[in-house]
């Protein structure tokens, strides 16, 4: 299970997102044999931190932070594991939820760089 102390309020987002990415890769590798069609973001967050462990405001914050980290990592660190799903009608307009699948072997994530100066973003 994920180390909740690294996701607590006040911990730098880089540390928190790295923790989510590490555990999400492990879980997706395990799930790839059981669910070849992939899993949804809610199922992945549930595997990272089961709802039975969520008690009080502190763990609700951690759960919310997991969802934010997964949304950010879908286009960056976990880009090899995420694909946009079917468009669905949401309360505030159309949405495309992410589908998560097993990591691609040998995938190397190239960090985004600034077009003018070349520094990493």
N, C-alpha and C. Protein backbone atom coordinates (compact mmCIF):
# COMPACT_ATOMS: atom_id res chain seq x y z
N UNK A 1 0.84 -1.18 0.00
CA UNK A 1 0.00 0.00 0.00
C UNK A 1 0.89 1.24 0.00
N UNK A 2 0.34 2.32 -0.45
CA UNK A 2 1.06 3.57 -0.61
C UNK A 2 1.42 4.17 0.76
N UNK A 3 2.56 4.85 0.83
CA UNK A 3 3.02 5.49 2.06
C UNK A 3 2.29 6.83 2.21
N UNK A 4 1.32 6.89 3.11
CA UNK A 4 0.49 8.09 3.23
C UNK A 4 1.24 9.28 3.81
N UNK A 5 2.36 9.04 4.50
CA UNK A 5 3.12 10.16 5.05
C UNK A 5 3.75 11.00 3.93
N UNK A 6 4.00 10.39 2.78
CA UNK A 6 4.57 11.13 1.65
C UNK A 6 3.51 11.89 0.86
N UNK A 7 2.23 11.66 1.19
CA UNK A 7 1.14 12.36 0.51
C UNK A 7 0.43 13.35 1.43
N UNK A 8 0.90 13.50 2.64
CA UNK A 8 0.24 14.37 3.60
C UNK A 8 0.35 15.83 3.20
N UNK A 9 -0.51 16.64 3.79
CA UNK A 9 -0.51 18.06 3.52
C UNK A 9 0.82 18.66 3.95
N UNK A 10 1.39 19.50 3.13
CA UNK A 10 2.67 20.13 3.43
C UNK A 10 3.86 19.43 2.79
N UNK A 11 3.67 18.23 2.27
CA UNK A 11 4.75 17.52 1.58
C UNK A 11 4.81 18.03 0.14
N UNK A 12 6.02 18.26 -0.36
CA UNK A 12 6.21 18.77 -1.72
C UNK A 12 5.53 17.88 -2.74
N UNK A 13 4.93 18.49 -3.76
CA UNK A 13 4.17 17.73 -4.76
C UNK A 13 5.06 16.76 -5.53
N UNK A 14 6.35 17.08 -5.72
CA UNK A 14 7.24 16.19 -6.47
C UNK A 14 7.41 14.86 -5.73
N UNK A 15 7.52 14.92 -4.42
CA UNK A 15 7.65 13.71 -3.62
C UNK A 15 6.35 12.91 -3.66
N UNK A 16 5.22 13.60 -3.53
CA UNK A 16 3.92 12.94 -3.53
C UNK A 16 3.64 12.28 -4.88
N UNK A 17 3.90 12.98 -5.98
CA UNK A 17 3.62 12.44 -7.31
C UNK A 17 4.54 11.26 -7.63
N UNK A 18 5.79 11.32 -7.18
CA UNK A 18 6.71 10.19 -7.40
C UNK A 18 6.22 8.95 -6.66
N UNK A 19 5.69 9.13 -5.47
CA UNK A 19 5.15 8.01 -4.69
C UNK A 19 3.94 7.40 -5.39
N UNK A 20 3.04 8.24 -5.89
CA UNK A 20 1.86 7.75 -6.60
C UNK A 20 2.29 7.02 -7.87
N UNK A 21 3.24 7.58 -8.62
CA UNK A 21 3.69 6.96 -9.86
C UNK A 21 4.30 5.58 -9.61
N UNK A 22 5.14 5.47 -8.58
CA UNK A 22 5.80 4.20 -8.27
C UNK A 22 4.77 3.11 -7.95
N UNK A 23 3.83 3.41 -7.09
CA UNK A 23 2.84 2.41 -6.69
C UNK A 23 1.82 2.14 -7.79
N UNK A 24 1.49 3.14 -8.58
CA UNK A 24 0.54 2.93 -9.68
C UNK A 24 1.14 1.98 -10.71
N UNK A 25 2.42 2.11 -11.01
CA UNK A 25 3.08 1.19 -11.96
C UNK A 25 3.02 -0.24 -11.46
N UNK A 26 3.27 -0.44 -10.16
CA UNK A 26 3.22 -1.79 -9.58
C UNK A 26 1.81 -2.37 -9.70
N UNK A 27 0.82 -1.57 -9.37
CA UNK A 27 -0.57 -2.04 -9.40
C UNK A 27 -1.01 -2.33 -10.83
N UNK A 28 -0.66 -1.45 -11.77
CA UNK A 28 -1.06 -1.67 -13.16
C UNK A 28 -0.39 -2.91 -13.75
N UNK A 29 0.82 -3.20 -13.35
CA UNK A 29 1.50 -4.41 -13.81
C UNK A 29 0.76 -5.64 -13.29
N UNK A 30 0.31 -5.58 -12.03
CA UNK A 30 -0.44 -6.70 -11.46
C UNK A 30 -1.81 -6.86 -12.11
N UNK A 31 -2.51 -5.74 -12.35
CA UNK A 31 -3.85 -5.76 -12.93
C UNK A 31 -3.86 -6.14 -14.40
N UNK A 32 -2.74 -6.03 -15.09
CA UNK A 32 -2.73 -6.25 -16.54
C UNK A 32 -3.17 -7.66 -16.91
N UNK A 33 -2.92 -8.62 -16.03
CA UNK A 33 -3.33 -9.99 -16.32
C UNK A 33 -4.81 -10.22 -16.04
N UNK A 34 -5.35 -9.50 -15.05
CA UNK A 34 -6.74 -9.68 -14.67
C UNK A 34 -7.69 -8.84 -15.53
N UNK A 35 -7.25 -7.66 -15.94
CA UNK A 35 -8.11 -6.72 -16.66
C UNK A 35 -7.43 -6.25 -17.94
N UNK A 36 -7.49 -7.00 -19.04
CA UNK A 36 -6.80 -6.59 -20.26
C UNK A 36 -7.38 -5.31 -20.88
N UNK A 37 -8.63 -4.97 -20.54
CA UNK A 37 -9.23 -3.74 -21.08
C UNK A 37 -8.84 -2.51 -20.28
N UNK A 38 -8.11 -2.67 -19.18
CA UNK A 38 -7.67 -1.56 -18.36
C UNK A 38 -8.61 -1.28 -17.21
N UNK A 39 -8.22 -0.34 -16.37
CA UNK A 39 -9.02 0.05 -15.22
C UNK A 39 -9.28 1.55 -15.28
N UNK A 40 -10.31 1.99 -14.59
CA UNK A 40 -10.62 3.41 -14.51
C UNK A 40 -9.80 4.08 -13.42
N UNK A 41 -9.84 5.40 -13.40
CA UNK A 41 -9.09 6.17 -12.41
C UNK A 41 -9.58 5.89 -11.00
N UNK A 42 -10.88 5.75 -10.81
CA UNK A 42 -11.42 5.48 -9.49
C UNK A 42 -10.95 4.12 -8.98
N UNK A 43 -10.94 3.12 -9.86
CA UNK A 43 -10.46 1.79 -9.45
C UNK A 43 -8.98 1.82 -9.09
N UNK A 44 -8.20 2.59 -9.84
CA UNK A 44 -6.77 2.70 -9.56
C UNK A 44 -6.54 3.42 -8.23
N UNK A 45 -7.28 4.49 -7.99
CA UNK A 45 -7.16 5.21 -6.71
C UNK A 45 -7.59 4.32 -5.55
N UNK A 46 -8.61 3.50 -5.77
CA UNK A 46 -9.08 2.57 -4.74
C UNK A 46 -8.01 1.53 -4.43
N UNK A 47 -7.29 1.09 -5.44
CA UNK A 47 -6.21 0.13 -5.23
C UNK A 47 -5.03 0.78 -4.50
N UNK A 48 -4.78 2.05 -4.77
CA UNK A 48 -3.69 2.76 -4.11
C UNK A 48 -3.99 3.02 -2.64
N UNK A 49 -5.22 3.46 -2.36
CA UNK A 49 -5.64 3.73 -0.98
C UNK A 49 -7.10 3.30 -0.84
N UNK A 50 -7.34 2.08 -0.35
CA UNK A 50 -8.71 1.59 -0.23
C UNK A 50 -9.58 2.48 0.65
N UNK A 51 -10.85 2.59 0.30
CA UNK A 51 -11.78 3.48 1.01
C UNK A 51 -11.92 3.10 2.48
N UNK A 52 -11.68 1.85 2.82
CA UNK A 52 -11.82 1.43 4.22
C UNK A 52 -10.77 2.08 5.12
N UNK A 53 -9.68 2.60 4.53
CA UNK A 53 -8.65 3.27 5.32
C UNK A 53 -8.86 4.78 5.39
N UNK A 54 -9.84 5.30 4.68
CA UNK A 54 -10.08 6.74 4.64
C UNK A 54 -10.93 7.13 5.84
N UNK A 55 -10.32 7.84 6.76
CA UNK A 55 -11.00 8.31 7.97
C UNK A 55 -10.56 9.75 8.24
N UNK A 56 -11.48 10.65 8.36
CA UNK A 56 -11.16 12.02 8.73
C UNK A 56 -10.67 12.87 7.57
N UNK A 57 -10.44 14.14 7.87
CA UNK A 57 -10.05 15.11 6.84
C UNK A 57 -8.67 14.84 6.27
N UNK A 58 -7.74 14.35 7.08
CA UNK A 58 -6.38 14.11 6.60
C UNK A 58 -6.32 13.09 5.49
N UNK A 59 -7.04 11.99 5.64
CA UNK A 59 -7.01 10.97 4.60
C UNK A 59 -7.88 11.34 3.40
N UNK A 60 -8.90 12.17 3.63
CA UNK A 60 -9.66 12.68 2.49
C UNK A 60 -8.78 13.57 1.62
N UNK A 61 -7.93 14.37 2.27
CA UNK A 61 -6.98 15.21 1.53
C UNK A 61 -6.02 14.33 0.73
N UNK A 62 -5.55 13.25 1.34
CA UNK A 62 -4.62 12.34 0.66
C UNK A 62 -5.30 11.68 -0.54
N UNK A 63 -6.52 11.27 -0.36
CA UNK A 63 -7.27 10.65 -1.47
C UNK A 63 -7.46 11.64 -2.63
N UNK A 64 -7.79 12.88 -2.30
CA UNK A 64 -7.94 13.92 -3.31
C UNK A 64 -6.61 14.17 -4.02
N UNK A 65 -5.53 14.13 -3.27
CA UNK A 65 -4.20 14.35 -3.84
C UNK A 65 -3.82 13.21 -4.79
N UNK A 66 -4.25 11.99 -4.49
CA UNK A 66 -4.00 10.86 -5.39
C UNK A 66 -4.70 11.10 -6.72
N UNK A 67 -5.94 11.55 -6.69
CA UNK A 67 -6.67 11.83 -7.94
C UNK A 67 -5.99 12.93 -8.74
N UNK A 68 -5.54 13.98 -8.07
CA UNK A 68 -4.84 15.07 -8.77
C UNK A 68 -3.53 14.59 -9.37
N UNK A 69 -2.81 13.75 -8.63
CA UNK A 69 -1.54 13.22 -9.13
C UNK A 69 -1.77 12.33 -10.35
N UNK A 70 -2.80 11.49 -10.31
CA UNK A 70 -3.09 10.63 -11.46
C UNK A 70 -3.47 11.44 -12.68
N UNK A 71 -4.24 12.52 -12.48
CA UNK A 71 -4.61 13.38 -13.61
C UNK A 71 -3.39 14.03 -14.23
N UNK A 72 -2.45 14.47 -13.40
CA UNK A 72 -1.23 15.10 -13.92
C UNK A 72 -0.30 14.07 -14.56
N UNK A 73 -0.17 12.91 -13.95
CA UNK A 73 0.74 11.88 -14.45
C UNK A 73 0.24 11.20 -15.72
N UNK A 74 -1.04 11.34 -16.02
CA UNK A 74 -1.60 10.71 -17.22
C UNK A 74 -0.95 11.24 -18.49
N UNK A 75 -0.48 12.47 -18.47
CA UNK A 75 0.17 13.04 -19.65
C UNK A 75 1.67 13.20 -19.47
N UNK A 76 2.19 12.78 -18.33
CA UNK A 76 3.62 12.95 -18.08
C UNK A 76 4.27 11.62 -17.70
N UNK A 77 4.44 11.37 -16.42
CA UNK A 77 5.18 10.21 -15.95
C UNK A 77 4.54 8.86 -16.25
N UNK A 78 3.22 8.81 -16.31
CA UNK A 78 2.52 7.55 -16.59
C UNK A 78 1.87 7.58 -17.97
N UNK A 79 2.43 8.35 -18.88
CA UNK A 79 1.83 8.50 -20.21
C UNK A 79 1.78 7.18 -20.97
N UNK A 80 2.69 6.27 -20.66
CA UNK A 80 2.69 4.96 -21.33
C UNK A 80 1.60 4.03 -20.79
N UNK A 81 0.96 4.41 -19.69
CA UNK A 81 -0.06 3.57 -19.05
C UNK A 81 -1.47 4.11 -19.24
N UNK A 82 -1.63 5.31 -19.76
CA UNK A 82 -2.94 5.95 -19.81
C UNK A 82 -3.39 6.22 -21.24
N UNK A 83 -4.67 5.99 -21.49
CA UNK A 83 -5.29 6.37 -22.75
C UNK A 83 -6.63 7.02 -22.44
N UNK A 84 -7.01 8.05 -23.21
CA UNK A 84 -8.31 8.66 -22.95
C UNK A 84 -9.43 7.69 -23.31
N UNK A 85 -10.42 7.61 -22.47
CA UNK A 85 -11.54 6.71 -22.70
C UNK A 85 -12.60 7.32 -23.61
N UNK A 86 -13.73 6.66 -23.68
CA UNK A 86 -14.86 7.13 -24.49
C UNK A 86 -15.41 8.44 -23.91
N UNK A 87 -15.86 9.33 -24.77
CA UNK A 87 -16.47 10.57 -24.32
C UNK A 87 -17.83 10.26 -23.69
N UNK A 88 -18.03 10.79 -22.49
CA UNK A 88 -19.29 10.59 -21.79
C UNK A 88 -19.89 11.95 -21.44
N UNK A 89 -21.18 11.98 -21.23
CA UNK A 89 -21.85 13.22 -20.87
C UNK A 89 -21.71 13.42 -19.37
N UNK A 90 -21.05 14.50 -18.99
CA UNK A 90 -20.88 14.81 -17.58
C UNK A 90 -21.85 15.90 -17.14
N UNK A 91 -21.83 16.22 -15.89
CA UNK A 91 -22.73 17.22 -15.34
C UNK A 91 -22.47 18.60 -15.94
N UNK A 92 -21.20 18.91 -16.20
CA UNK A 92 -20.82 20.22 -16.72
C UNK A 92 -20.32 20.17 -18.16
N UNK A 93 -20.67 19.14 -18.88
CA UNK A 93 -20.25 19.01 -20.28
C UNK A 93 -19.60 17.67 -20.53
N UNK A 94 -19.16 17.43 -21.78
CA UNK A 94 -18.56 16.13 -22.10
C UNK A 94 -17.23 15.92 -21.38
N UNK A 95 -16.97 14.66 -21.02
CA UNK A 95 -15.72 14.29 -20.33
C UNK A 95 -15.11 13.09 -21.03
N UNK A 96 -13.80 12.96 -20.91
CA UNK A 96 -13.10 11.78 -21.40
C UNK A 96 -12.26 11.21 -20.26
N UNK A 97 -12.81 10.25 -19.52
CA UNK A 97 -12.05 9.68 -18.40
C UNK A 97 -10.88 8.84 -18.91
N UNK A 98 -9.84 8.74 -18.09
CA UNK A 98 -8.65 7.97 -18.46
C UNK A 98 -8.89 6.48 -18.21
N UNK A 99 -8.33 5.64 -19.08
CA UNK A 99 -8.27 4.19 -18.88
C UNK A 99 -6.80 3.86 -18.66
N UNK A 100 -6.53 3.08 -17.64
CA UNK A 100 -5.17 2.74 -17.25
C UNK A 100 -4.89 1.29 -17.59
N UNK A 101 -3.72 1.01 -18.14
CA UNK A 101 -3.32 -0.35 -18.52
C UNK A 101 -1.88 -0.58 -18.13
N UNK A 102 -1.35 -1.75 -18.43
CA UNK A 102 0.00 -2.11 -18.03
C UNK A 102 1.04 -1.19 -18.66
N UNK A 103 2.14 -0.93 -17.96
CA UNK A 103 3.20 -0.09 -18.51
C UNK A 103 3.83 -0.72 -19.76
N UNK A 104 4.25 0.11 -20.68
CA UNK A 104 4.92 -0.34 -21.89
C UNK A 104 6.37 -0.66 -21.54
N UNK A 105 6.86 -1.87 -21.83
CA UNK A 105 8.26 -2.20 -21.51
C UNK A 105 9.21 -1.33 -22.33
N UNK A 106 10.24 -0.83 -21.67
CA UNK A 106 11.26 -0.05 -22.36
C UNK A 106 10.86 1.39 -22.65
N UNK A 107 9.71 1.83 -22.16
CA UNK A 107 9.26 3.20 -22.41
C UNK A 107 10.11 4.17 -21.62
N UNK A 108 10.59 5.22 -22.28
CA UNK A 108 11.37 6.25 -21.61
C UNK A 108 10.61 7.56 -21.78
N UNK A 109 10.24 8.16 -20.66
CA UNK A 109 9.50 9.41 -20.71
C UNK A 109 10.46 10.56 -20.95
N UNK A 110 10.26 11.30 -22.03
CA UNK A 110 11.07 12.48 -22.31
C UNK A 110 10.39 13.67 -21.63
N UNK A 111 11.08 14.34 -20.70
CA UNK A 111 10.45 15.46 -20.02
C UNK A 111 10.18 16.61 -20.98
N UNK A 112 9.12 17.34 -20.71
CA UNK A 112 8.79 18.49 -21.54
C UNK A 112 9.82 19.59 -21.34
N UNK A 113 10.19 20.26 -22.43
CA UNK A 113 11.18 21.32 -22.36
C UNK A 113 10.60 22.60 -22.95
N UNK A 114 11.12 23.72 -22.47
CA UNK A 114 10.70 25.02 -22.96
C UNK A 114 11.20 25.19 -24.39
N UNK A 115 10.35 25.71 -25.27
CA UNK A 115 10.71 25.86 -26.68
C UNK A 115 11.73 26.96 -26.91
N UNK A 116 11.78 27.95 -26.04
CA UNK A 116 12.70 29.06 -26.25
C UNK A 116 14.06 28.85 -25.59
N UNK A 117 14.08 28.36 -24.36
CA UNK A 117 15.37 28.23 -23.65
C UNK A 117 15.86 26.80 -23.53
N UNK A 118 14.98 25.80 -23.71
CA UNK A 118 15.42 24.41 -23.65
C UNK A 118 15.46 23.81 -22.25
N UNK A 119 15.07 24.57 -21.23
CA UNK A 119 15.06 24.03 -19.85
C UNK A 119 13.86 23.13 -19.64
N UNK A 120 13.99 22.13 -18.77
CA UNK A 120 12.84 21.27 -18.46
C UNK A 120 11.73 22.07 -17.79
N UNK A 121 10.49 21.72 -18.11
CA UNK A 121 9.33 22.39 -17.49
C UNK A 121 8.96 21.74 -16.19
